[in-house]
Each structure stands twice: as C-alpha cells, then as structure tokens.
C-alpha cells in the first residue's frame, strides 16, 4: 500500500492546507515510510502469543453489592476543628499568600 500525491492533495484540501510540489513529494515519502514501518508488524510471528480475550471465562469479574453508608451530619465547628491553622470568624486564617 502506498500513498500518492493526489491523495495528499485531497487530504490537504479537506484540511484546508496548501502545499508546494516539494512538500507534496516529502509528505508522500514520509507517509509511505510510516506505512512501510507499520507493515512490518505483519511479518512478526505471533503464534507464541496467547489469544487476547476481553472476558476471562474462568475468572469472571465479581462485582460487590452497592451499599449505602449511614449519613453523618457535620457542624461547622466539627469541620473547622480539623485544621491546625487559626480560625477567625468561622474562617481558616491563611498567612500572606502574596509574597
């Protein structure tokens, strides 16, 4: 399989790009080089590889049951008591962050 300059021109038109003749030749050469490289994957002996399955029949995925957790209500005081920073007017005081 190879890419022709006409196909490159068509892609350029779809992409609203313009290329010179030299650029078309370069792109055709580059595309064909990439296609040749990927084509080498067909030459690999993959007979030693196990078949890939998306579902493992022997060990199916076991889902856990959804359970609700008891809802705990927190007060503002409970939440603010978790900080080590000083609390002023129910807000966590930060140092000067502009330095």
Protein backbone atom coordinates (compact mmCIF):
# COMPACT_ATOMS: atom_id res chain seq x y z
CA UNK A 1 0.00 0.00 0.00
CA UNK A 2 1.29 3.44 -0.81
CA UNK A 3 0.04 7.00 -0.65
CA UNK A 4 0.02 9.05 -3.86
CA UNK A 5 0.49 12.78 -4.20
CA UNK A 6 -3.14 13.02 -5.36
CA UNK A 7 -4.24 11.51 -2.05
CA UNK A 8 -2.05 14.00 -0.19
CA UNK A 9 -3.60 16.85 -2.21
CA UNK A 10 -7.06 15.54 -1.30
CA UNK A 11 -6.15 15.42 2.41
CA UNK A 12 -4.68 18.92 2.16
CA UNK A 13 -7.89 20.19 0.56
CA UNK A 14 -10.01 18.59 3.30
CA UNK A 15 -7.71 20.13 5.91
CA UNK A 16 -7.74 23.49 4.14
CA UNK A 17 -3.96 23.38 3.75
CA UNK A 18 -1.83 24.29 0.76
CA UNK A 19 1.45 22.57 -0.09
CA UNK A 20 4.08 23.16 -2.72
CA UNK A 21 5.10 20.32 -5.06
CA UNK A 22 8.25 19.76 -2.99
CA UNK A 23 6.20 19.48 0.18
CA UNK A 24 3.81 17.03 -1.51
CA UNK A 25 6.73 14.83 -2.51
CA UNK A 26 8.17 14.98 1.02
CA UNK A 27 4.82 14.13 2.63
CA UNK A 28 4.23 11.26 0.21
CA UNK A 29 7.68 9.88 1.03
CA UNK A 30 7.12 10.32 4.80
CA UNK A 31 3.66 8.72 4.73
CA UNK A 32 4.91 5.79 2.70
CA UNK A 33 7.83 5.33 5.10
CA UNK A 34 5.39 5.20 8.03
CA UNK A 35 3.10 2.75 6.23
CA UNK A 36 6.06 0.50 5.38
CA UNK A 37 7.20 0.56 9.01
CA UNK A 38 3.73 -0.36 10.33
CA UNK A 39 3.50 -3.06 7.64
CA UNK A 40 6.43 -4.82 9.29
CA UNK A 41 4.03 -5.86 12.04
CA UNK A 42 2.57 -8.37 9.56
CA UNK A 43 5.98 -10.08 9.43
CA UNK A 44 6.08 -10.77 13.17
CA UNK A 45 5.50 -14.36 14.25
CA UNK A 46 2.76 -14.05 16.83
CA UNK A 47 1.93 -17.73 17.08
CA UNK A 48 3.53 -17.86 20.51
CA UNK A 49 1.17 -15.22 21.91
CA UNK A 50 -1.94 -16.25 23.76
CA UNK A 51 -5.23 -15.12 22.36
CA UNK A 52 -6.39 -11.94 23.98
CA UNK A 53 -9.82 -12.10 25.49
CA UNK A 54 -11.84 -9.22 26.82
CA UNK A 55 -13.72 -11.57 29.17
CA UNK A 56 -11.99 -14.14 31.34
CA UNK A 57 -14.46 -17.01 31.39
CA UNK A 58 -12.56 -18.91 34.06
CA UNK A 59 -12.30 -15.93 36.45
CA UNK A 60 -15.25 -13.64 35.84
CA UNK A 61 -15.29 -10.19 37.37
CA UNK A 62 -17.17 -10.31 40.64
CA UNK A 63 -18.98 -7.10 41.46
CA UNK A 64 -19.66 -6.09 45.02
CA UNK A 65 -23.14 -5.16 46.14
CA UNK A 66 -23.79 -1.43 46.41
CA UNK A 67 -24.50 -0.48 49.97
CA UNK A 68 -25.40 2.86 51.43
CA UNK A 69 -23.36 4.28 54.27
CA UNK A 70 -25.01 5.93 57.21
CA UNK A 71 -25.06 9.65 56.58
CA UNK A 72 -23.29 11.63 59.27
CA UNK A 73 -24.09 15.26 59.77
CA UNK A 74 -21.18 17.61 60.45
CA UNK A 75 -21.42 21.01 62.04
CA UNK A 76 -19.31 23.97 61.06
CA UNK A 77 -17.45 23.61 64.37
CA UNK A 78 -16.67 19.92 63.59
CA UNK A 79 -15.21 20.80 60.22
CA UNK A 80 -13.20 23.79 61.44
CA UNK A 81 -11.75 21.74 64.30
CA UNK A 82 -9.80 19.65 61.74
CA UNK A 83 -7.40 22.46 60.85
CA UNK A 84 -4.20 23.39 62.64
CA UNK A 85 -4.43 26.95 61.34
CA UNK A 86 -6.14 29.66 63.41
CA UNK A 87 -9.88 30.11 62.86
CA UNK A 88 -11.18 33.70 62.80
CA UNK A 89 -14.89 34.46 62.33
CA UNK A 90 -15.59 30.86 61.26
CA UNK A 91 -12.93 31.05 58.55
CA UNK A 92 -9.49 29.44 58.36
CA UNK A 93 -6.84 32.17 58.59
CA UNK A 94 -4.08 31.84 56.00
CA UNK A 95 -0.73 33.55 56.02
CA UNK A 96 0.14 36.20 53.47
CA UNK A 97 -0.15 34.36 50.16
CA UNK A 98 1.01 37.29 48.02
CA UNK A 99 4.71 37.01 48.94
